[in-house]
Structures are given as structure tokens and as C-alpha cells.
N, C-alpha and C. Protein backbone atom coordinates (compact mmCIF):
# COMPACT_ATOMS: atom_id res chain seq x y z
N UNK A 1 -8.35 19.61 20.17
CA UNK A 1 -8.45 19.03 18.83
C UNK A 1 -7.48 17.86 18.72
N UNK A 2 -7.94 16.79 18.11
CA UNK A 2 -7.11 15.60 17.96
C UNK A 2 -6.37 15.66 16.63
N UNK A 3 -5.19 15.05 16.61
CA UNK A 3 -4.46 15.00 15.35
C UNK A 3 -4.90 13.78 14.53
N UNK A 4 -4.36 13.69 13.33
CA UNK A 4 -4.75 12.64 12.39
C UNK A 4 -4.51 11.24 12.95
N UNK A 5 -3.39 11.07 13.67
CA UNK A 5 -3.08 9.74 14.21
C UNK A 5 -4.07 9.34 15.30
N UNK A 6 -4.48 10.29 16.15
CA UNK A 6 -5.45 9.98 17.19
C UNK A 6 -6.78 9.60 16.57
N UNK A 7 -7.21 10.34 15.55
CA UNK A 7 -8.46 10.03 14.86
C UNK A 7 -8.39 8.65 14.24
N UNK A 8 -7.27 8.31 13.62
CA UNK A 8 -7.12 7.01 12.97
C UNK A 8 -7.12 5.88 13.99
N UNK A 9 -6.60 6.12 15.19
CA UNK A 9 -6.59 5.07 16.20
C UNK A 9 -7.99 4.71 16.67
N UNK A 10 -8.91 5.65 16.60
CA UNK A 10 -10.26 5.39 17.09
C UNK A 10 -11.05 4.46 16.17
N UNK A 11 -10.97 4.63 14.85
CA UNK A 11 -11.70 3.78 13.91
C UNK A 11 -10.86 3.35 12.73
N UNK A 12 -9.58 3.50 12.86
CA UNK A 12 -8.74 3.21 11.71
C UNK A 12 -9.10 4.17 10.58
N UNK A 13 -9.12 3.66 9.37
CA UNK A 13 -9.49 4.47 8.20
C UNK A 13 -10.84 4.02 7.64
N UNK A 14 -11.64 3.37 8.47
CA UNK A 14 -12.92 2.83 7.99
C UNK A 14 -13.90 3.89 7.51
N UNK A 15 -13.79 5.11 8.02
CA UNK A 15 -14.70 6.18 7.59
C UNK A 15 -14.24 6.89 6.32
N UNK A 16 -13.03 6.59 5.87
CA UNK A 16 -12.49 7.25 4.69
C UNK A 16 -13.23 6.79 3.44
N UNK A 17 -13.66 7.75 2.64
CA UNK A 17 -14.36 7.48 1.39
C UNK A 17 -13.57 7.95 0.17
N UNK A 18 -12.46 8.68 0.43
CA UNK A 18 -11.61 9.14 -0.67
C UNK A 18 -10.15 9.05 -0.24
N UNK A 19 -9.34 8.47 -1.12
CA UNK A 19 -7.89 8.40 -0.94
C UNK A 19 -7.26 9.25 -2.03
N UNK A 20 -6.43 10.20 -1.64
CA UNK A 20 -5.78 11.11 -2.58
C UNK A 20 -4.30 10.72 -2.70
N UNK A 21 -3.88 10.47 -3.94
CA UNK A 21 -2.51 10.05 -4.20
C UNK A 21 -1.82 11.12 -5.07
N UNK A 22 -0.84 11.82 -4.54
CA UNK A 22 -0.08 12.75 -5.36
C UNK A 22 0.71 12.00 -6.44
N UNK A 23 0.83 12.58 -7.59
CA UNK A 23 1.57 11.93 -8.69
C UNK A 23 3.01 11.61 -8.28
N UNK A 24 3.60 12.47 -7.44
CA UNK A 24 4.99 12.23 -7.02
C UNK A 24 5.09 10.91 -6.22
N UNK A 25 4.12 10.62 -5.37
CA UNK A 25 4.11 9.37 -4.61
C UNK A 25 3.95 8.19 -5.56
N UNK A 26 3.04 8.33 -6.52
CA UNK A 26 2.81 7.26 -7.50
C UNK A 26 4.04 7.04 -8.37
N UNK A 27 4.66 8.11 -8.84
CA UNK A 27 5.84 7.98 -9.71
C UNK A 27 7.01 7.33 -8.98
N UNK A 28 7.22 7.71 -7.72
CA UNK A 28 8.31 7.10 -6.93
C UNK A 28 8.05 5.60 -6.74
N UNK A 29 6.80 5.27 -6.49
CA UNK A 29 6.40 3.87 -6.29
C UNK A 29 6.65 3.06 -7.56
N UNK A 30 6.14 3.55 -8.67
CA UNK A 30 6.26 2.83 -9.93
C UNK A 30 7.72 2.69 -10.36
N UNK A 31 8.50 3.72 -10.15
CA UNK A 31 9.92 3.67 -10.50
C UNK A 31 10.62 2.52 -9.78
N UNK A 32 10.40 2.40 -8.49
CA UNK A 32 11.02 1.31 -7.74
C UNK A 32 10.50 -0.05 -8.19
N UNK A 33 9.18 -0.17 -8.31
CA UNK A 33 8.58 -1.46 -8.66
C UNK A 33 9.00 -1.93 -10.04
N UNK A 34 9.13 -1.02 -10.98
CA UNK A 34 9.62 -1.38 -12.32
C UNK A 34 11.06 -1.87 -12.27
N UNK A 35 11.87 -1.17 -11.49
CA UNK A 35 13.29 -1.52 -11.40
C UNK A 35 13.47 -2.94 -10.88
N UNK A 36 12.78 -3.30 -9.81
CA UNK A 36 12.94 -4.66 -9.30
C UNK A 36 12.23 -5.67 -10.20
N UNK A 37 11.17 -5.24 -10.86
CA UNK A 37 10.47 -6.12 -11.81
C UNK A 37 11.31 -6.47 -13.01
N UNK A 38 12.15 -5.55 -13.44
CA UNK A 38 13.06 -5.81 -14.56
C UNK A 38 13.99 -6.97 -14.24
N UNK A 39 14.28 -7.15 -12.95
CA UNK A 39 15.11 -8.27 -12.51
C UNK A 39 14.28 -9.52 -12.23
N UNK A 40 12.98 -9.46 -12.54
CA UNK A 40 12.11 -10.61 -12.33
C UNK A 40 11.66 -10.80 -10.90
N UNK A 41 11.66 -9.72 -10.12
CA UNK A 41 11.29 -9.82 -8.70
C UNK A 41 10.09 -8.93 -8.39
N UNK A 42 9.32 -9.38 -7.41
CA UNK A 42 8.26 -8.54 -6.87
C UNK A 42 8.89 -7.50 -5.96
N UNK A 43 8.21 -6.37 -5.80
CA UNK A 43 8.68 -5.32 -4.91
C UNK A 43 7.55 -4.82 -4.04
N UNK A 44 7.91 -4.13 -2.97
CA UNK A 44 6.94 -3.64 -2.00
C UNK A 44 7.25 -2.19 -1.66
N UNK A 45 6.21 -1.34 -1.65
CA UNK A 45 6.33 0.06 -1.26
C UNK A 45 5.21 0.34 -0.26
N UNK A 46 5.52 1.14 0.73
CA UNK A 46 4.52 1.53 1.73
C UNK A 46 4.22 3.01 1.59
N UNK A 47 2.93 3.36 1.73
CA UNK A 47 2.51 4.76 1.61
C UNK A 47 2.06 5.28 2.96
N UNK A 48 2.59 6.43 3.32
CA UNK A 48 2.16 7.11 4.53
C UNK A 48 1.43 8.39 4.18
N UNK A 49 0.68 8.89 5.12
CA UNK A 49 -0.05 10.13 4.91
C UNK A 49 -0.86 10.49 6.13
N UNK A 50 -1.89 11.31 5.91
CA UNK A 50 -2.71 11.81 7.00
C UNK A 50 -4.16 11.96 6.58
N UNK A 51 -5.02 11.96 7.57
CA UNK A 51 -6.42 12.29 7.32
C UNK A 51 -6.51 13.77 7.00
N UNK A 52 -7.09 14.08 5.85
CA UNK A 52 -7.36 15.48 5.50
C UNK A 52 -8.68 15.89 6.14
N UNK A 53 -9.54 14.92 6.33
CA UNK A 53 -10.81 15.07 7.04
C UNK A 53 -11.21 13.68 7.51
N UNK A 54 -12.33 13.57 8.17
CA UNK A 54 -12.77 12.25 8.65
C UNK A 54 -12.96 11.27 7.50
N UNK A 55 -13.29 11.78 6.31
CA UNK A 55 -13.61 10.90 5.18
C UNK A 55 -12.60 10.97 4.04
N UNK A 56 -11.48 11.66 4.24
CA UNK A 56 -10.48 11.80 3.18
C UNK A 56 -9.08 11.57 3.74
N UNK A 57 -8.35 10.63 3.12
CA UNK A 57 -6.97 10.35 3.51
C UNK A 57 -6.07 10.77 2.36
N UNK A 58 -5.03 11.54 2.68
CA UNK A 58 -4.10 12.05 1.68
C UNK A 58 -2.73 11.42 1.90
N UNK A 59 -2.27 10.66 0.91
CA UNK A 59 -0.94 10.09 0.97
C UNK A 59 0.08 11.18 0.69
N UNK A 60 1.21 11.12 1.39
CA UNK A 60 2.26 12.13 1.22
C UNK A 60 3.63 11.52 1.00
N UNK A 61 3.78 10.23 1.33
CA UNK A 61 5.10 9.62 1.34
C UNK A 61 5.06 8.21 0.75
N UNK A 62 6.03 7.91 -0.09
CA UNK A 62 6.27 6.54 -0.55
C UNK A 62 7.57 6.09 0.09
N UNK A 63 7.51 5.01 0.85
CA UNK A 63 8.70 4.51 1.54
C UNK A 63 8.99 3.09 1.05
N UNK A 64 10.24 2.85 0.74
CA UNK A 64 10.68 1.53 0.27
C UNK A 64 11.42 0.87 1.43
N UNK A 65 10.81 -0.13 2.05
CA UNK A 65 11.51 -0.81 3.13
C UNK A 65 12.61 -1.71 2.58
N UNK A 66 13.60 -1.96 3.41
CA UNK A 66 14.61 -2.96 3.04
C UNK A 66 13.86 -4.28 2.86
N UNK A 67 14.09 -4.96 1.74
CA UNK A 67 13.31 -6.15 1.42
C UNK A 67 14.15 -7.17 0.69
N UNK A 68 13.66 -8.40 0.75
CA UNK A 68 14.35 -9.50 0.10
C UNK A 68 13.37 -10.25 -0.79
N UNK A 69 13.58 -10.21 -2.11
CA UNK A 69 12.70 -10.99 -3.00
C UNK A 69 13.14 -12.45 -3.07
N UNK A 70 12.17 -13.33 -3.22
CA UNK A 70 12.45 -14.76 -3.34
C UNK A 70 11.62 -15.36 -4.45
N UNK A 71 12.17 -16.37 -5.09
CA UNK A 71 11.42 -17.20 -6.01
C UNK A 71 11.29 -18.58 -5.39
N UNK A 72 10.09 -19.13 -5.36
CA UNK A 72 9.86 -20.46 -4.80
C UNK A 72 9.14 -21.29 -5.86
N UNK A 73 9.04 -22.59 -5.66
CA UNK A 73 8.26 -23.41 -6.60
C UNK A 73 6.79 -22.97 -6.71
N UNK A 74 6.28 -22.32 -5.64
CA UNK A 74 4.90 -21.84 -5.65
C UNK A 74 4.76 -20.45 -6.26
N UNK A 75 5.86 -19.75 -6.46
CA UNK A 75 5.79 -18.41 -7.03
C UNK A 75 6.78 -17.46 -6.36
N UNK A 76 6.56 -16.18 -6.60
CA UNK A 76 7.44 -15.14 -6.08
C UNK A 76 6.88 -14.56 -4.79
N UNK A 77 7.77 -14.03 -3.97
CA UNK A 77 7.35 -13.32 -2.77
C UNK A 77 8.44 -12.37 -2.34
N UNK A 78 8.06 -11.46 -1.47
CA UNK A 78 8.98 -10.47 -0.90
C UNK A 78 8.84 -10.54 0.61
N UNK A 79 9.96 -10.51 1.30
CA UNK A 79 9.91 -10.44 2.76
C UNK A 79 10.53 -9.13 3.22
N UNK A 80 9.98 -8.62 4.30
CA UNK A 80 10.48 -7.41 4.95
C UNK A 80 10.68 -7.76 6.41
N UNK A 81 11.89 -7.58 6.91
CA UNK A 81 12.21 -7.95 8.28
C UNK A 81 11.66 -6.97 9.31
N UNK A 82 11.67 -7.42 10.54
CA UNK A 82 11.17 -6.61 11.65
C UNK A 82 11.90 -5.30 11.82
N UNK A 83 13.22 -5.31 11.64
CA UNK A 83 13.99 -4.06 11.78
C UNK A 83 13.58 -3.05 10.71
N UNK A 84 13.33 -3.53 9.50
CA UNK A 84 12.91 -2.63 8.42
C UNK A 84 11.54 -2.05 8.70
N UNK A 85 10.63 -2.88 9.21
CA UNK A 85 9.29 -2.37 9.56
C UNK A 85 9.37 -1.37 10.69
N UNK A 86 10.21 -1.64 11.68
CA UNK A 86 10.40 -0.70 12.78
C UNK A 86 10.90 0.64 12.24
N UNK A 87 11.86 0.59 11.33
CA UNK A 87 12.42 1.81 10.74
C UNK A 87 11.35 2.62 10.00
N UNK A 88 10.52 1.92 9.22
CA UNK A 88 9.43 2.60 8.49
C UNK A 88 8.47 3.25 9.48
N UNK A 89 8.04 2.49 10.48
CA UNK A 89 7.10 3.03 11.46
C UNK A 89 7.69 4.20 12.24
N UNK A 90 8.97 4.12 12.57
CA UNK A 90 9.62 5.22 13.28
C UNK A 90 9.67 6.47 12.40
N UNK A 91 10.03 6.29 11.14
CA UNK A 91 10.07 7.42 10.20
C UNK A 91 8.70 8.08 10.09
N UNK A 92 7.67 7.26 9.91
CA UNK A 92 6.31 7.81 9.80
C UNK A 92 5.90 8.52 11.08
N UNK A 93 6.18 7.93 12.22
CA UNK A 93 5.85 8.56 13.51
C UNK A 93 6.53 9.92 13.64
N UNK A 94 7.81 9.98 13.30
CA UNK A 94 8.55 11.24 13.40
C UNK A 94 7.99 12.30 12.47
N UNK A 95 7.41 11.89 11.36
CA UNK A 95 6.80 12.83 10.40
C UNK A 95 5.35 13.15 10.75
N UNK A 96 4.81 12.47 11.74
CA UNK A 96 3.41 12.67 12.11
C UNK A 96 2.46 12.04 11.10
N UNK A 97 2.92 10.98 10.43
CA UNK A 97 2.11 10.33 9.39
C UNK A 97 1.64 8.96 9.84
N UNK A 98 0.69 8.43 9.09
CA UNK A 98 0.08 7.14 9.33
C UNK A 98 0.42 6.22 8.16
N UNK A 99 0.69 4.95 8.46
CA UNK A 99 0.90 3.95 7.41
C UNK A 99 -0.48 3.55 6.89
N UNK A 100 -0.81 4.02 5.67
CA UNK A 100 -2.16 3.85 5.15
C UNK A 100 -2.30 2.92 3.97
N UNK A 101 -1.18 2.45 3.38
CA UNK A 101 -1.30 1.55 2.23
C UNK A 101 -0.01 0.79 2.00
N UNK A 102 -0.19 -0.39 1.44
CA UNK A 102 0.92 -1.19 0.94
C UNK A 102 0.68 -1.41 -0.54
N UNK A 103 1.74 -1.34 -1.32
CA UNK A 103 1.64 -1.49 -2.76
C UNK A 103 2.71 -2.49 -3.19
N UNK A 104 2.31 -3.48 -3.97
CA UNK A 104 3.31 -4.42 -4.46
C UNK A 104 2.90 -4.95 -5.83
N UNK A 105 3.85 -5.63 -6.46
CA UNK A 105 3.63 -6.12 -7.81
C UNK A 105 3.44 -7.63 -7.82
N UNK A 106 2.85 -8.07 -8.91
CA UNK A 106 2.80 -9.49 -9.26
C UNK A 106 3.38 -9.61 -10.67
N UNK A 107 3.90 -10.78 -11.03
CA UNK A 107 4.50 -10.93 -12.36
C UNK A 107 3.46 -10.96 -13.49
N UNK A 108 2.24 -11.34 -13.18
CA UNK A 108 1.18 -11.40 -14.20
C UNK A 108 -0.01 -10.58 -13.72
N UNK A 109 -1.14 -11.20 -13.51
CA UNK A 109 -2.36 -10.46 -13.15
C UNK A 109 -2.31 -9.95 -11.72
N UNK A 110 -3.17 -8.96 -11.46
CA UNK A 110 -3.27 -8.36 -10.13
C UNK A 110 -4.42 -8.99 -9.37
N UNK A 111 -4.10 -9.53 -8.20
CA UNK A 111 -5.10 -10.11 -7.31
C UNK A 111 -4.49 -10.16 -5.92
N UNK A 112 -5.31 -10.35 -4.93
CA UNK A 112 -4.83 -10.44 -3.55
C UNK A 112 -4.69 -11.91 -3.21
N UNK A 113 -3.46 -12.35 -3.06
CA UNK A 113 -3.20 -13.76 -2.78
C UNK A 113 -3.48 -14.08 -1.32
N UNK A 114 -3.46 -15.37 -1.01
CA UNK A 114 -3.64 -15.80 0.38
C UNK A 114 -2.51 -15.24 1.25
N UNK A 115 -1.30 -15.20 0.72
CA UNK A 115 -0.18 -14.60 1.46
C UNK A 115 -0.43 -13.12 1.70
N UNK A 116 -0.93 -12.42 0.68
CA UNK A 116 -1.26 -11.00 0.84
C UNK A 116 -2.31 -10.81 1.93
N UNK A 117 -3.30 -11.71 1.97
CA UNK A 117 -4.37 -11.60 2.96
C UNK A 117 -3.86 -11.77 4.38
N UNK A 118 -2.97 -12.74 4.58
CA UNK A 118 -2.63 -13.14 5.94
C UNK A 118 -1.30 -12.61 6.47
N UNK A 119 -0.49 -12.01 5.60
CA UNK A 119 0.80 -11.47 6.05
C UNK A 119 1.00 -10.04 5.58
N UNK A 120 0.06 -9.15 5.88
CA UNK A 120 0.20 -7.77 5.43
C UNK A 120 1.21 -6.99 6.26
N UNK A 121 1.72 -5.93 5.68
CA UNK A 121 2.57 -5.01 6.44
C UNK A 121 1.72 -3.88 7.01
N UNK A 122 0.60 -3.60 6.37
CA UNK A 122 -0.32 -2.58 6.83
C UNK A 122 -1.45 -3.29 7.57
N UNK A 123 -1.67 -2.90 8.82
CA UNK A 123 -2.68 -3.58 9.63
C UNK A 123 -3.76 -2.64 10.16
N UNK A 124 -3.76 -1.40 9.73
CA UNK A 124 -4.75 -0.43 10.17
C UNK A 124 -6.07 -0.69 9.46
N UNK A 125 -7.14 -0.87 10.19
CA UNK A 125 -8.44 -1.10 9.57
C UNK A 125 -8.76 0.03 8.60
N UNK A 126 -9.27 -0.34 7.43
CA UNK A 126 -9.62 0.64 6.41
C UNK A 126 -8.49 1.00 5.48
N UNK A 127 -7.28 0.53 5.79
CA UNK A 127 -6.12 0.83 4.95
C UNK A 127 -6.21 0.08 3.63
N UNK A 128 -5.37 0.48 2.68
CA UNK A 128 -5.38 -0.10 1.34
C UNK A 128 -4.24 -1.09 1.11
N UNK A 129 -4.52 -2.04 0.24
CA UNK A 129 -3.50 -2.92 -0.31
C UNK A 129 -3.70 -2.90 -1.82
N UNK A 130 -2.68 -2.48 -2.53
CA UNK A 130 -2.76 -2.32 -3.99
C UNK A 130 -1.79 -3.30 -4.64
N UNK A 131 -2.30 -4.06 -5.60
CA UNK A 131 -1.46 -5.00 -6.33
C UNK A 131 -1.42 -4.57 -7.79
N UNK A 132 -0.21 -4.37 -8.30
CA UNK A 132 -0.01 -3.90 -9.67
C UNK A 132 0.49 -5.07 -10.51
N UNK A 133 -0.15 -5.36 -11.65
CA UNK A 133 0.26 -6.50 -12.47
C UNK A 133 1.51 -6.23 -13.29
N UNK A 134 2.06 -7.30 -13.84
CA UNK A 134 3.15 -7.24 -14.83
C UNK A 134 4.36 -6.45 -14.34
N UNK A 135 4.67 -6.62 -13.05
CA UNK A 135 5.83 -5.93 -12.46
C UNK A 135 5.80 -4.42 -12.70
N UNK A 136 4.60 -3.84 -12.81
CA UNK A 136 4.39 -2.39 -12.98
C UNK A 136 4.95 -1.86 -14.30
N UNK A 137 5.17 -2.74 -15.27
CA UNK A 137 5.75 -2.32 -16.54
C UNK A 137 4.82 -1.41 -17.35
N UNK A 138 3.51 -1.49 -17.11
CA UNK A 138 2.55 -0.67 -17.86
C UNK A 138 1.94 0.43 -17.01
N UNK A 139 2.39 0.54 -15.77
CA UNK A 139 1.84 1.51 -14.84
C UNK A 139 2.30 2.92 -15.21
N UNK A 140 1.49 3.94 -14.97
CA UNK A 140 0.17 3.92 -14.36
C UNK A 140 -0.98 3.80 -15.37
N UNK A 141 -0.66 3.65 -16.65
CA UNK A 141 -1.74 3.63 -17.65
C UNK A 141 -2.69 2.44 -17.45
N UNK A 142 -2.23 1.41 -16.76
CA UNK A 142 -3.09 0.24 -16.54
C UNK A 142 -3.80 0.26 -15.19
N UNK A 143 -3.92 1.42 -14.55
CA UNK A 143 -4.56 1.52 -13.23
C UNK A 143 -5.93 0.86 -13.16
N UNK A 144 -6.74 0.88 -14.21
CA UNK A 144 -8.05 0.22 -14.11
C UNK A 144 -7.97 -1.28 -13.83
N UNK A 145 -6.84 -1.94 -14.12
CA UNK A 145 -6.74 -3.37 -13.83
C UNK A 145 -5.92 -3.66 -12.57
N UNK A 146 -5.50 -2.63 -11.85
CA UNK A 146 -4.84 -2.86 -10.58
C UNK A 146 -5.87 -3.43 -9.61
N UNK A 147 -5.42 -4.23 -8.68
CA UNK A 147 -6.30 -4.77 -7.65
C UNK A 147 -6.21 -3.86 -6.42
N UNK A 148 -7.34 -3.28 -6.04
CA UNK A 148 -7.42 -2.37 -4.89
C UNK A 148 -8.24 -3.06 -3.81
N UNK A 149 -7.63 -3.26 -2.65
CA UNK A 149 -8.30 -3.93 -1.55
C UNK A 149 -8.25 -3.06 -0.30
N UNK A 150 -9.17 -3.34 0.60
CA UNK A 150 -9.27 -2.58 1.84
C UNK A 150 -9.41 -3.56 3.02
N UNK A 151 -8.71 -3.28 4.10
CA UNK A 151 -8.74 -4.14 5.27
C UNK A 151 -9.98 -3.85 6.11
N UNK A 152 -10.86 -4.83 6.20
CA UNK A 152 -12.09 -4.70 7.00
C UNK A 152 -11.94 -5.32 8.38
N UNK A 153 -11.14 -6.36 8.50
CA UNK A 153 -10.84 -7.04 9.76
C UNK A 153 -9.56 -7.83 9.51
N UNK A 154 -8.90 -8.29 10.56
CA UNK A 154 -7.65 -9.01 10.37
C UNK A 154 -7.85 -10.16 9.38
N UNK A 155 -7.02 -10.17 8.33
CA UNK A 155 -7.10 -11.22 7.32
C UNK A 155 -8.27 -11.09 6.36
N UNK A 156 -9.07 -10.04 6.51
CA UNK A 156 -10.26 -9.86 5.68
C UNK A 156 -10.10 -8.61 4.79
N UNK A 157 -9.45 -8.83 3.67
CA UNK A 157 -9.26 -7.77 2.68
C UNK A 157 -10.37 -7.92 1.65
N UNK A 158 -11.08 -6.84 1.39
CA UNK A 158 -12.17 -6.88 0.41
C UNK A 158 -11.85 -5.92 -0.73
N UNK A 159 -12.36 -6.21 -1.93
CA UNK A 159 -12.16 -5.25 -3.03
C UNK A 159 -12.71 -3.88 -2.64
N UNK A 160 -12.05 -2.85 -3.12
CA UNK A 160 -12.47 -1.48 -2.83
C UNK A 160 -13.93 -1.31 -3.22
N UNK A 161 -14.72 -0.82 -2.29
CA UNK A 161 -16.15 -0.69 -2.51
C UNK A 161 -16.47 0.39 -3.55
N UNK A 162 -17.54 0.16 -4.29
CA UNK A 162 -18.03 1.17 -5.22
C UNK A 162 -18.38 2.40 -4.38
N UNK A 163 -17.99 3.54 -4.88
CA UNK A 163 -18.24 4.79 -4.15
C UNK A 163 -17.01 5.30 -3.40
N UNK A 164 -16.03 4.43 -3.17
CA UNK A 164 -14.77 4.87 -2.57
C UNK A 164 -13.91 5.43 -3.70
N UNK A 165 -13.48 6.65 -3.55
CA UNK A 165 -12.71 7.32 -4.59
C UNK A 165 -11.21 7.19 -4.37
N UNK A 166 -10.50 7.01 -5.47
CA UNK A 166 -9.05 7.10 -5.48
C UNK A 166 -8.74 8.21 -6.47
N UNK A 167 -8.20 9.30 -5.94
CA UNK A 167 -7.97 10.49 -6.75
C UNK A 167 -6.49 10.75 -6.91
N UNK A 168 -6.04 10.95 -8.16
CA UNK A 168 -4.66 11.35 -8.41
C UNK A 168 -4.61 12.86 -8.52
N UNK A 169 -3.55 13.42 -7.96
CA UNK A 169 -3.37 14.87 -8.13
C UNK A 169 -1.93 15.21 -8.41
């Protein structure tokens, strides 16, 4: 029998039709994103978890990488260095988890920017990229206006397809 990571390596998360997010993971994420948003900065959180079945991925962990927010004439951005990414991946590996989503904020509306498309931290096919508007100040009550994207190919993030479920528990 193969473990969740072996299954994910074969097709990524492309077969997943339901993503399950525990409230504890969501609350930890929102707490961090609000805190940095209060300072006028975007923030980034990574979610790890495992395949519960071939078509269901269950998030179990919210990890906050060491990050540096910046303001530029073109807007805000967050950078995460290679050492921080290595640390996140090592932690997930040791826990037997997969990096399945990246979550970050924007100061106004939620959308996937060109930077989001081409410089993701999550590169597993089928994984999620979630953008929360207004520095997460209204989260989670504003979940219907969050931007939910899925990686179909490198640099090709598409809006979450109708029929793909995101379930809170």
C-alpha cells in the first residue's frame, strides 16, 4: 500500500474533488494574516495535509514561513527565502504531510496576480492558492469572495472548478 505522499507524486492533487479544512487551521491562518494586515502588510501561510482518499485532501497544519513584506510603487508583496521554504518542506516531510495550499492576503479585492501565478510557493499540481481580501479583516465571514485557485500546470492557476468542494469542519 502506498502512502499519501507517494499517491500525490503520481498525479499531484489533480484527482482531488474535496478539500477539508479544519477550523483550527483556518483560525490559525486568519489570526496571523490579520496581525500582519493590521500593520499594512500582506502575509503568507502554507497548509499541509494528506490525502484522505484519492479524491479527498484533508489539511492538518497551518505553517507560517519566515517572510519579509515589502511595499513597492506597484503594490505590496511578500518574499519567503529558500532557507524558510526548506524548513517548511522539512517539517512537512517529518510529519508525513504534503504541501497542499498557499494562502495569502491582498489589501483590497481577492484575485490571483501575475506574481501569484508565476512565483508560487506551492508547486504540486492540483494544489490550492487562496487569496483573502482586505488583509483578512472580515475573514472567515467573507469566504464567498475569497479567490480560490488550483494549479493545473506550471504558471497556470485556474479558478476552482464548479463541483470541487471546500469543506470546513
